[in-house]
Amino acid sequence: MGILTYSMHISLDGFIEEPNGSIDFSAPDDEIHRIANQQAQDTAVFLFGRGLYEMMEEFWTDPERADGGDTEAQFARVYTETPRVVFSDTLDSVPDGCRLVRSADSHAEVERLKADTDGTLSVGGAQLAASLVDLIDVIDPFVVPTMLGGGKPFYPPGHQLSLTLDEHRILPVSGWMYLRYSVSR
């Protein structure tokens, strides 16, 4: 059975986007990217809402991108080799390597994927994660040492979860923290 994880870069006050929609505050350095690369290599399927999917496809579908060096190129290669499921009611099609599922079917589809997949299913996007909160097994944010004071929250409002800390790392170069929690049911 698959394990559903929810991981994104978040500000110390819990936001994944600035009030203007920018995610520039969370650009990772090589230290963070190496951890993200390992997570991507361990992922069997990426699950995205439309917004994050479009940003990821725009930025990561060229495995030869050299502007970020070898670490980013490695992530791009792993990203494009990993199956991606996009949950959207507004997209009409997605490219090879991706599959489109209507949002109304997201819960049933993720239940099916969890049952049929050995390995990690990685959900990205706050709105999609909020709709799947009862299926999430692991929450593992990267905490960026900055306060945004507002924006799009990482944690879905109105949900209570009991969590058990499984791992934590303080990354000395960047000052970021990596946290991994199991959801207790």
N, C-alpha and C. Protein backbone atom coordinates (compact mmCIF):
# COMPACT_ATOMS: atom_id res chain seq x y z
N MET A 1 0.84 -1.18 0.00
CA MET A 1 0.00 0.00 0.00
C MET A 1 0.89 1.24 0.00
N GLY A 2 0.47 2.24 -0.75
CA GLY A 2 1.24 3.47 -0.86
C GLY A 2 1.09 4.36 0.36
N ILE A 3 2.06 5.22 0.54
CA ILE A 3 2.05 6.20 1.62
C ILE A 3 1.88 7.57 0.98
N LEU A 4 0.88 8.31 1.43
CA LEU A 4 0.61 9.64 0.90
C LEU A 4 1.32 10.68 1.76
N THR A 5 2.23 11.44 1.14
CA THR A 5 2.96 12.48 1.85
C THR A 5 2.55 13.85 1.32
N TYR A 6 2.67 14.84 2.20
CA TYR A 6 2.41 16.23 1.81
C TYR A 6 3.63 17.03 2.22
N SER A 7 4.33 17.56 1.23
CA SER A 7 5.57 18.28 1.49
C SER A 7 5.65 19.51 0.60
N MET A 8 5.96 20.63 1.22
CA MET A 8 6.20 21.86 0.47
C MET A 8 7.16 22.71 1.28
N HIS A 9 7.65 23.76 0.67
CA HIS A 9 8.46 24.75 1.38
C HIS A 9 7.50 25.74 2.01
N ILE A 10 7.69 26.01 3.30
CA ILE A 10 6.78 26.93 4.00
C ILE A 10 7.57 27.95 4.80
N SER A 11 6.96 29.11 4.97
CA SER A 11 7.56 30.13 5.84
C SER A 11 7.38 29.68 7.29
N LEU A 12 8.11 30.29 8.18
CA LEU A 12 8.01 29.94 9.59
C LEU A 12 6.60 30.18 10.12
N ASP A 13 5.87 31.12 9.53
CA ASP A 13 4.49 31.35 9.96
C ASP A 13 3.47 30.57 9.14
N GLY A 14 3.92 29.57 8.37
CA GLY A 14 3.03 28.59 7.78
C GLY A 14 2.46 28.86 6.40
N PHE A 15 3.11 29.69 5.59
CA PHE A 15 2.59 30.01 4.27
C PHE A 15 3.47 29.43 3.17
N ILE A 16 2.83 29.02 2.06
CA ILE A 16 3.57 28.48 0.91
C ILE A 16 3.72 29.51 -0.19
N GLU A 17 2.93 30.58 -0.12
CA GLU A 17 3.02 31.68 -1.08
C GLU A 17 2.93 32.99 -0.33
N GLU A 18 3.59 33.98 -0.88
CA GLU A 18 3.47 35.34 -0.36
C GLU A 18 2.08 35.88 -0.71
N PRO A 19 1.64 36.96 -0.07
CA PRO A 19 0.32 37.51 -0.40
C PRO A 19 0.12 37.82 -1.89
N ASN A 20 1.21 38.12 -2.61
CA ASN A 20 1.10 38.42 -4.05
C ASN A 20 1.20 37.16 -4.92
N GLY A 21 1.26 35.97 -4.29
CA GLY A 21 1.33 34.72 -5.03
C GLY A 21 2.72 34.23 -5.34
N SER A 22 3.73 35.01 -5.03
CA SER A 22 5.12 34.64 -5.31
C SER A 22 5.59 33.53 -4.36
N ILE A 23 6.45 32.66 -4.89
CA ILE A 23 7.10 31.66 -4.04
C ILE A 23 8.61 31.88 -4.01
N ASP A 24 9.04 33.07 -4.42
CA ASP A 24 10.48 33.36 -4.49
C ASP A 24 11.19 33.20 -3.15
N PHE A 25 10.47 33.39 -2.05
CA PHE A 25 11.09 33.27 -0.73
C PHE A 25 11.61 31.86 -0.48
N SER A 26 11.12 30.87 -1.23
CA SER A 26 11.43 29.48 -0.93
C SER A 26 12.36 28.82 -1.94
N ALA A 27 13.10 29.62 -2.70
CA ALA A 27 14.04 29.04 -3.66
C ALA A 27 15.13 28.30 -2.89
N PRO A 28 15.28 27.00 -3.15
CA PRO A 28 16.24 26.21 -2.38
C PRO A 28 17.68 26.37 -2.85
N ASP A 29 18.61 26.25 -1.91
CA ASP A 29 20.02 26.18 -2.29
C ASP A 29 20.36 24.72 -2.56
N ASP A 30 21.62 24.42 -2.87
CA ASP A 30 22.01 23.04 -3.20
C ASP A 30 21.77 22.08 -2.05
N GLU A 31 22.01 22.53 -0.83
CA GLU A 31 21.81 21.67 0.36
C GLU A 31 20.36 21.18 0.42
N ILE A 32 19.42 22.09 0.25
CA ILE A 32 18.00 21.75 0.30
C ILE A 32 17.63 20.93 -0.94
N HIS A 33 18.16 21.33 -2.08
CA HIS A 33 17.81 20.63 -3.32
C HIS A 33 18.24 19.18 -3.29
N ARG A 34 19.36 18.87 -2.67
CA ARG A 34 19.80 17.47 -2.60
C ARG A 34 18.79 16.63 -1.82
N ILE A 35 18.24 17.18 -0.75
CA ILE A 35 17.21 16.47 0.01
C ILE A 35 15.95 16.30 -0.84
N ALA A 36 15.56 17.37 -1.53
CA ALA A 36 14.39 17.30 -2.41
C ALA A 36 14.61 16.29 -3.54
N ASN A 37 15.82 16.22 -4.05
CA ASN A 37 16.12 15.24 -5.09
C ASN A 37 15.94 13.82 -4.57
N GLN A 38 16.40 13.57 -3.36
CA GLN A 38 16.23 12.23 -2.78
C GLN A 38 14.75 11.92 -2.59
N GLN A 39 13.98 12.89 -2.10
CA GLN A 39 12.54 12.68 -1.97
C GLN A 39 11.91 12.36 -3.32
N ALA A 40 12.31 13.09 -4.35
CA ALA A 40 11.75 12.86 -5.69
C ALA A 40 12.11 11.46 -6.19
N GLN A 41 13.36 11.03 -5.93
CA GLN A 41 13.75 9.69 -6.35
C GLN A 41 12.95 8.61 -5.63
N ASP A 42 12.53 8.89 -4.41
CA ASP A 42 11.76 7.93 -3.62
C ASP A 42 10.26 8.00 -3.90
N THR A 43 9.85 8.88 -4.80
CA THR A 43 8.43 9.08 -5.09
C THR A 43 8.00 8.21 -6.27
N ALA A 44 6.90 7.48 -6.07
CA ALA A 44 6.36 6.64 -7.14
C ALA A 44 5.44 7.44 -8.05
N VAL A 45 4.68 8.39 -7.47
CA VAL A 45 3.74 9.21 -8.24
C VAL A 45 3.65 10.58 -7.59
N PHE A 46 3.72 11.62 -8.42
CA PHE A 46 3.45 12.99 -7.96
C PHE A 46 1.98 13.29 -8.21
N LEU A 47 1.31 13.90 -7.22
CA LEU A 47 -0.08 14.32 -7.33
C LEU A 47 -0.13 15.83 -7.19
N PHE A 48 -0.69 16.51 -8.19
CA PHE A 48 -0.69 17.97 -8.19
C PHE A 48 -2.08 18.53 -8.44
N GLY A 49 -2.35 19.65 -7.80
CA GLY A 49 -3.44 20.50 -8.22
C GLY A 49 -2.96 21.29 -9.43
N ARG A 50 -3.87 21.96 -10.13
CA ARG A 50 -3.53 22.64 -11.37
C ARG A 50 -2.44 23.70 -11.20
N GLY A 51 -2.55 24.54 -10.18
CA GLY A 51 -1.61 25.64 -10.03
C GLY A 51 -0.17 25.18 -9.86
N LEU A 52 0.06 24.27 -8.93
CA LEU A 52 1.42 23.78 -8.72
C LEU A 52 1.89 22.98 -9.92
N TYR A 53 1.02 22.20 -10.51
CA TYR A 53 1.37 21.43 -11.71
C TYR A 53 1.90 22.37 -12.81
N GLU A 54 1.18 23.44 -13.08
CA GLU A 54 1.61 24.35 -14.14
C GLU A 54 2.97 24.97 -13.84
N MET A 55 3.19 25.33 -12.58
CA MET A 55 4.48 25.90 -12.22
C MET A 55 5.59 24.85 -12.36
N MET A 56 5.34 23.64 -11.91
CA MET A 56 6.34 22.58 -11.99
C MET A 56 6.65 22.23 -13.45
N GLU A 57 5.63 22.12 -14.27
CA GLU A 57 5.84 21.78 -15.68
C GLU A 57 6.63 22.87 -16.40
N GLU A 58 6.33 24.10 -16.09
CA GLU A 58 7.03 25.21 -16.74
C GLU A 58 8.51 25.21 -16.37
N PHE A 59 8.81 24.86 -15.13
CA PHE A 59 10.16 25.01 -14.63
C PHE A 59 11.00 23.74 -14.74
N TRP A 60 10.38 22.55 -14.65
CA TRP A 60 11.16 21.33 -14.47
C TRP A 60 11.09 20.32 -15.59
N THR A 61 10.46 20.61 -16.71
CA THR A 61 10.34 19.59 -17.75
C THR A 61 11.51 19.55 -18.73
N ASP A 62 12.50 20.36 -18.51
CA ASP A 62 13.70 20.32 -19.34
C ASP A 62 14.85 19.75 -18.53
N PRO A 63 15.09 18.43 -18.64
CA PRO A 63 16.15 17.80 -17.84
C PRO A 63 17.55 18.34 -18.14
N GLU A 64 17.70 19.04 -19.23
CA GLU A 64 19.01 19.58 -19.58
C GLU A 64 19.21 21.00 -19.09
N ARG A 65 18.24 21.51 -18.31
CA ARG A 65 18.37 22.89 -17.84
C ARG A 65 19.65 23.02 -17.03
N ALA A 66 20.44 23.98 -17.39
CA ALA A 66 21.76 24.10 -16.79
C ALA A 66 21.90 25.35 -15.92
N ASP A 67 20.89 26.19 -15.87
CA ASP A 67 21.05 27.44 -15.13
C ASP A 67 21.21 27.21 -13.63
N GLY A 68 20.76 26.07 -13.13
CA GLY A 68 20.89 25.77 -11.71
C GLY A 68 21.97 24.77 -11.40
N GLY A 69 22.65 24.29 -12.39
CA GLY A 69 23.73 23.34 -12.18
C GLY A 69 23.24 21.90 -12.13
N ASP A 70 24.14 21.02 -11.74
CA ASP A 70 23.88 19.58 -11.76
C ASP A 70 22.74 19.17 -10.83
N THR A 71 22.64 19.79 -9.66
CA THR A 71 21.62 19.40 -8.69
C THR A 71 20.23 19.64 -9.24
N GLU A 72 20.01 20.80 -9.86
CA GLU A 72 18.70 21.09 -10.44
C GLU A 72 18.44 20.23 -11.68
N ALA A 73 19.45 19.98 -12.47
CA ALA A 73 19.29 19.12 -13.65
C ALA A 73 18.91 17.71 -13.23
N GLN A 74 19.50 17.22 -12.13
CA GLN A 74 19.15 15.90 -11.62
C GLN A 74 17.67 15.88 -11.20
N PHE A 75 17.21 16.92 -10.51
CA PHE A 75 15.81 16.98 -10.11
C PHE A 75 14.90 16.96 -11.34
N ALA A 76 15.25 17.74 -12.34
CA ALA A 76 14.43 17.79 -13.56
C ALA A 76 14.34 16.42 -14.22
N ARG A 77 15.45 15.68 -14.26
CA ARG A 77 15.42 14.33 -14.85
C ARG A 77 14.49 13.42 -14.06
N VAL A 78 14.63 13.42 -12.74
CA VAL A 78 13.78 12.56 -11.90
C VAL A 78 12.32 12.97 -12.03
N TYR A 79 12.06 14.26 -12.01
CA TYR A 79 10.69 14.77 -12.12
C TYR A 79 10.01 14.29 -13.40
N THR A 80 10.70 14.41 -14.53
CA THR A 80 10.07 14.04 -15.80
C THR A 80 9.94 12.52 -15.96
N GLU A 81 10.73 11.75 -15.23
CA GLU A 81 10.65 10.28 -15.30
C GLU A 81 9.58 9.71 -14.37
N THR A 82 9.07 10.53 -13.46
CA THR A 82 8.10 10.05 -12.47
C THR A 82 6.68 10.35 -12.96
N PRO A 83 5.77 9.36 -12.89
CA PRO A 83 4.39 9.62 -13.30
C PRO A 83 3.79 10.76 -12.47
N ARG A 84 2.96 11.57 -13.15
CA ARG A 84 2.32 12.72 -12.52
C ARG A 84 0.82 12.65 -12.78
N VAL A 85 0.04 12.84 -11.72
CA VAL A 85 -1.41 12.90 -11.83
C VAL A 85 -1.82 14.33 -11.48
N VAL A 86 -2.61 14.93 -12.37
CA VAL A 86 -3.04 16.31 -12.20
C VAL A 86 -4.54 16.32 -11.95
N PHE A 87 -4.95 16.96 -10.86
CA PHE A 87 -6.36 17.07 -10.51
C PHE A 87 -6.82 18.47 -10.89
N SER A 88 -7.70 18.55 -11.90
CA SER A 88 -8.13 19.85 -12.39
C SER A 88 -9.47 19.73 -13.11
N ASP A 89 -10.27 20.75 -12.96
CA ASP A 89 -11.53 20.84 -13.70
C ASP A 89 -11.41 21.82 -14.86
N THR A 90 -10.28 22.52 -14.96
CA THR A 90 -10.14 23.53 -15.99
C THR A 90 -9.21 23.12 -17.13
N LEU A 91 -8.31 22.19 -16.90
CA LEU A 91 -7.43 21.73 -17.98
C LEU A 91 -8.16 20.74 -18.86
N ASP A 92 -7.86 20.78 -20.15
CA ASP A 92 -8.47 19.84 -21.10
C ASP A 92 -7.55 18.67 -21.41
N SER A 93 -6.25 18.88 -21.25
CA SER A 93 -5.29 17.82 -21.57
C SER A 93 -4.00 18.07 -20.81
N VAL A 94 -3.20 17.02 -20.73
CA VAL A 94 -1.86 17.09 -20.13
C VAL A 94 -0.91 16.30 -21.03
N PRO A 95 0.39 16.58 -20.98
CA PRO A 95 1.34 15.89 -21.86
C PRO A 95 1.62 14.46 -21.42
N ASP A 96 2.35 13.75 -22.26
CA ASP A 96 2.80 12.40 -21.91
C ASP A 96 3.51 12.43 -20.57
N GLY A 97 3.35 11.37 -19.80
CA GLY A 97 3.94 11.29 -18.48
C GLY A 97 3.02 11.80 -17.39
N CYS A 98 1.90 12.41 -17.81
CA CYS A 98 0.91 12.95 -16.88
C CYS A 98 -0.45 12.34 -17.18
N ARG A 99 -1.29 12.34 -16.17
CA ARG A 99 -2.67 11.89 -16.33
C ARG A 99 -3.58 12.90 -15.68
N LEU A 100 -4.68 13.22 -16.33
CA LEU A 100 -5.63 14.22 -15.85
C LEU A 100 -6.81 13.53 -15.17
N VAL A 101 -7.14 14.00 -13.96
CA VAL A 101 -8.29 13.50 -13.21
C VAL A 101 -9.11 14.70 -12.77
N ARG A 102 -10.40 14.62 -12.90
CA ARG A 102 -11.27 15.71 -12.47
C ARG A 102 -11.27 15.79 -10.94
N SER A 103 -11.33 17.01 -10.43
CA SER A 103 -11.24 17.25 -8.99
C SER A 103 -12.28 16.50 -8.20
N ALA A 104 -13.48 16.35 -8.75
CA ALA A 104 -14.54 15.64 -8.04
C ALA A 104 -14.17 14.18 -7.78
N ASP A 105 -13.25 13.65 -8.56
CA ASP A 105 -12.84 12.25 -8.43
C ASP A 105 -11.55 12.09 -7.63
N SER A 106 -11.02 13.19 -7.07
CA SER A 106 -9.69 13.15 -6.45
C SER A 106 -9.62 12.17 -5.28
N HIS A 107 -10.59 12.19 -4.41
CA HIS A 107 -10.54 11.34 -3.22
C HIS A 107 -10.53 9.86 -3.61
N ALA A 108 -11.46 9.47 -4.47
CA ALA A 108 -11.54 8.07 -4.89
C ALA A 108 -10.28 7.66 -5.65
N GLU A 109 -9.76 8.56 -6.49
CA GLU A 109 -8.56 8.24 -7.26
C GLU A 109 -7.36 8.05 -6.34
N VAL A 110 -7.20 8.90 -5.34
CA VAL A 110 -6.06 8.77 -4.43
C VAL A 110 -6.22 7.52 -3.56
N GLU A 111 -7.42 7.18 -3.16
CA GLU A 111 -7.63 5.92 -2.43
C GLU A 111 -7.19 4.74 -3.30
N ARG A 112 -7.58 4.76 -4.58
CA ARG A 112 -7.20 3.69 -5.50
C ARG A 112 -5.68 3.64 -5.67
N LEU A 113 -5.06 4.82 -5.87
CA LEU A 113 -3.61 4.86 -6.03
C LEU A 113 -2.89 4.35 -4.79
N LYS A 114 -3.37 4.72 -3.62
CA LYS A 114 -2.74 4.22 -2.38
C LYS A 114 -2.82 2.70 -2.32
N ALA A 115 -3.95 2.14 -2.73
CA ALA A 115 -4.13 0.69 -2.68
C ALA A 115 -3.27 -0.02 -3.73
N ASP A 116 -3.05 0.62 -4.87
CA ASP A 116 -2.37 -0.03 -5.99
C ASP A 116 -0.89 0.30 -6.12
N THR A 117 -0.37 1.19 -5.29
CA THR A 117 1.01 1.67 -5.44
C THR A 117 1.86 1.23 -4.27
N ASP A 118 3.01 0.66 -4.59
CA ASP A 118 4.02 0.41 -3.57
C ASP A 118 4.94 1.62 -3.60
N GLY A 119 5.04 2.32 -2.49
CA GLY A 119 5.92 3.48 -2.44
C GLY A 119 5.18 4.73 -2.07
N THR A 120 5.83 5.84 -2.33
CA THR A 120 5.35 7.14 -1.89
C THR A 120 4.55 7.83 -2.98
N LEU A 121 3.40 8.35 -2.59
CA LEU A 121 2.61 9.24 -3.43
C LEU A 121 2.78 10.61 -2.80
N SER A 122 3.26 11.56 -3.57
CA SER A 122 3.57 12.87 -3.03
C SER A 122 2.56 13.89 -3.52
N VAL A 123 1.76 14.44 -2.60
CA VAL A 123 0.77 15.44 -2.97
C VAL A 123 1.38 16.83 -2.82
N GLY A 124 1.16 17.65 -3.83
CA GLY A 124 1.64 19.02 -3.81
C GLY A 124 0.51 19.98 -4.14
N GLY A 125 0.43 21.04 -3.38
CA GLY A 125 -0.61 22.03 -3.57
C GLY A 125 -1.54 22.03 -2.37
N ALA A 126 -1.72 23.20 -1.78
CA ALA A 126 -2.49 23.31 -0.54
C ALA A 126 -3.96 22.94 -0.72
N GLN A 127 -4.57 23.35 -1.80
CA GLN A 127 -5.99 23.06 -2.00
C GLN A 127 -6.21 21.57 -2.20
N LEU A 128 -5.38 20.92 -3.00
CA LEU A 128 -5.50 19.48 -3.19
C LEU A 128 -5.25 18.76 -1.87
N ALA A 129 -4.21 19.14 -1.15
CA ALA A 129 -3.91 18.51 0.13
C ALA A 129 -5.07 18.65 1.11
N ALA A 130 -5.71 19.82 1.13
CA ALA A 130 -6.85 20.03 2.02
C ALA A 130 -7.99 19.07 1.69
N SER A 131 -8.19 18.78 0.41
CA SER A 131 -9.27 17.87 0.02
C SER A 131 -8.93 16.41 0.33
N LEU A 132 -7.66 16.14 0.59
CA LEU A 132 -7.21 14.76 0.85
C LEU A 132 -6.69 14.57 2.27
N VAL A 133 -6.94 15.54 3.15
CA VAL A 133 -6.31 15.55 4.46
C VAL A 133 -6.54 14.25 5.23
N ASP A 134 -7.68 13.61 5.07
CA ASP A 134 -7.96 12.36 5.79
C ASP A 134 -7.20 11.17 5.22
N LEU A 135 -6.56 11.33 4.07
CA LEU A 135 -5.77 10.25 3.46
C LEU A 135 -4.27 10.43 3.65
N ILE A 136 -3.85 11.61 4.12
CA ILE A 136 -2.42 11.91 4.23
C ILE A 136 -1.82 11.13 5.40
N ASP A 137 -0.69 10.46 5.13
CA ASP A 137 0.00 9.64 6.12
C ASP A 137 1.20 10.35 6.74
N VAL A 138 1.84 11.21 5.95
CA VAL A 138 3.07 11.87 6.38
C VAL A 138 3.03 13.33 5.93
N ILE A 139 3.42 14.22 6.83
CA ILE A 139 3.58 15.64 6.50
C ILE A 139 5.05 15.96 6.73
N ASP A 140 5.70 16.46 5.67
CA ASP A 140 7.13 16.74 5.80
C ASP A 140 7.51 18.06 5.13
N PRO A 141 7.26 19.15 5.86
CA PRO A 141 7.59 20.47 5.31
C PRO A 141 9.06 20.82 5.45
N PHE A 142 9.51 21.68 4.54
CA PHE A 142 10.78 22.36 4.66
C PHE A 142 10.45 23.76 5.17
N VAL A 143 10.93 24.12 6.34
CA VAL A 143 10.59 25.41 6.94
C VAL A 143 11.69 26.42 6.61
N VAL A 144 11.27 27.48 5.93
CA VAL A 144 12.18 28.54 5.48
C VAL A 144 12.25 29.60 6.59
N PRO A 145 13.44 30.04 6.96
CA PRO A 145 13.55 31.02 8.05
C PRO A 145 13.14 32.43 7.61
N THR A 146 11.85 32.58 7.40
CA THR A 146 11.29 33.88 7.06
C THR A 146 9.84 33.90 7.50
N MET A 147 9.34 35.09 7.78
CA MET A 147 7.93 35.28 8.15
C MET A 147 7.29 36.10 7.03
N LEU A 148 6.18 35.61 6.47
CA LEU A 148 5.52 36.30 5.37
C LEU A 148 4.35 37.18 5.84
N GLY A 149 3.77 36.84 6.98
CA GLY A 149 2.67 37.63 7.50
C GLY A 149 1.35 37.43 6.78
N GLY A 150 1.30 36.54 5.83
CA GLY A 150 0.09 36.26 5.09
C GLY A 150 0.42 35.57 3.78
N GLY A 151 -0.61 35.14 3.08
CA GLY A 151 -0.44 34.43 1.83
C GLY A 151 -1.29 33.19 1.83
N LYS A 152 -0.88 32.18 1.07
CA LYS A 152 -1.61 30.91 1.02
C LYS A 152 -1.06 29.98 2.09
N PRO A 153 -1.92 29.49 3.01
CA PRO A 153 -1.42 28.63 4.08
C PRO A 153 -1.12 27.21 3.62
N PHE A 154 -0.11 26.62 4.22
CA PHE A 154 0.27 25.23 3.98
C PHE A 154 -0.74 24.28 4.60
N TYR A 155 -1.12 24.57 5.83
CA TYR A 155 -2.02 23.69 6.56
C TYR A 155 -3.47 24.06 6.27
N PRO A 156 -4.28 23.06 5.95
CA PRO A 156 -5.68 23.36 5.65
C PRO A 156 -6.42 23.82 6.91
N PRO A 157 -7.11 24.94 6.82
CA PRO A 157 -7.86 25.42 7.99
C PRO A 157 -9.02 24.48 8.29
N GLY A 158 -9.36 24.40 9.57
CA GLY A 158 -10.51 23.61 9.98
C GLY A 158 -10.24 22.15 10.20
N HIS A 159 -8.99 21.71 10.09
CA HIS A 159 -8.66 20.30 10.29
C HIS A 159 -7.72 20.17 11.47
N GLN A 160 -7.98 19.18 12.29
CA GLN A 160 -7.08 18.86 13.39
C GLN A 160 -6.41 17.53 13.08
N LEU A 161 -5.12 17.48 13.26
CA LEU A 161 -4.36 16.25 13.05
C LEU A 161 -3.44 16.04 14.24
N SER A 162 -3.35 14.81 14.68
CA SER A 162 -2.36 14.44 15.69
C SER A 162 -1.14 13.93 14.94
N LEU A 163 0.01 14.49 15.28
CA LEU A 163 1.23 14.17 14.55
C LEU A 163 2.29 13.62 15.49
N THR A 164 3.13 12.74 14.96
CA THR A 164 4.27 12.21 15.69
C THR A 164 5.53 12.57 14.91
N LEU A 165 6.46 13.25 15.56
CA LEU A 165 7.70 13.66 14.90
C LEU A 165 8.57 12.42 14.66
N ASP A 166 8.89 12.17 13.40
CA ASP A 166 9.74 11.03 13.02
C ASP A 166 11.17 11.45 12.71
N GLU A 167 11.32 12.67 12.21
CA GLU A 167 12.65 13.13 11.81
C GLU A 167 12.67 14.65 11.81
N HIS A 168 13.82 15.19 12.12
CA HIS A 168 14.02 16.63 11.96
C HIS A 168 15.50 16.88 11.67
N ARG A 169 15.71 17.86 10.83
CA ARG A 169 17.07 18.26 10.48
C ARG A 169 17.12 19.77 10.46
N ILE A 170 18.16 20.30 11.03
CA ILE A 170 18.44 21.72 10.89
C ILE A 170 19.58 21.81 9.89
N LEU A 171 19.36 22.58 8.85
CA LEU A 171 20.34 22.68 7.78
C LEU A 171 21.17 23.94 8.01
N PRO A 172 22.41 23.76 8.46
CA PRO A 172 23.19 24.90 8.96
C PRO A 172 23.53 25.97 7.93
N VAL A 173 23.71 25.60 6.69
CA VAL A 173 24.10 26.59 5.69
C VAL A 173 22.95 27.57 5.43
N SER A 174 21.76 27.03 5.22
CA SER A 174 20.61 27.86 4.85
C SER A 174 19.79 28.32 6.05
N GLY A 175 19.88 27.58 7.16
CA GLY A 175 19.03 27.88 8.31
C GLY A 175 17.65 27.27 8.18
N TRP A 176 17.40 26.54 7.11
CA TRP A 176 16.12 25.86 6.93
C TRP A 176 16.02 24.69 7.90
N MET A 177 14.78 24.24 8.13
CA MET A 177 14.53 23.01 8.88
C MET A 177 13.73 22.06 8.01
N TYR A 178 14.04 20.77 8.14
CA TYR A 178 13.24 19.74 7.51
C TYR A 178 12.58 18.97 8.64
N LEU A 179 11.26 18.81 8.55
CA LEU A 179 10.49 18.10 9.57
C LEU A 179 9.71 16.98 8.89
N ARG A 180 9.62 15.85 9.57
CA ARG A 180 8.82 14.74 9.05
C ARG A 180 7.95 14.21 10.17
N TYR A 181 6.64 14.28 9.94
CA TYR A 181 5.66 13.84 10.92
C TYR A 181 4.79 12.73 10.33
N SER A 182 4.52 11.69 11.13
CA SER A 182 3.50 10.71 10.78
C SER A 182 2.18 11.22 11.34
N VAL A 183 1.12 11.01 10.55
CA VAL A 183 -0.21 11.37 11.01
C VAL A 183 -0.72 10.21 11.85
N SER A 184 -1.12 10.50 13.08
CA SER A 184 -1.65 9.47 13.98
C SER A 184 -3.16 9.38 13.76
N ARG A 185 -3.64 8.19 13.56
CA ARG A 185 -5.07 7.98 13.34
C ARG A 185 -5.65 7.19 14.50
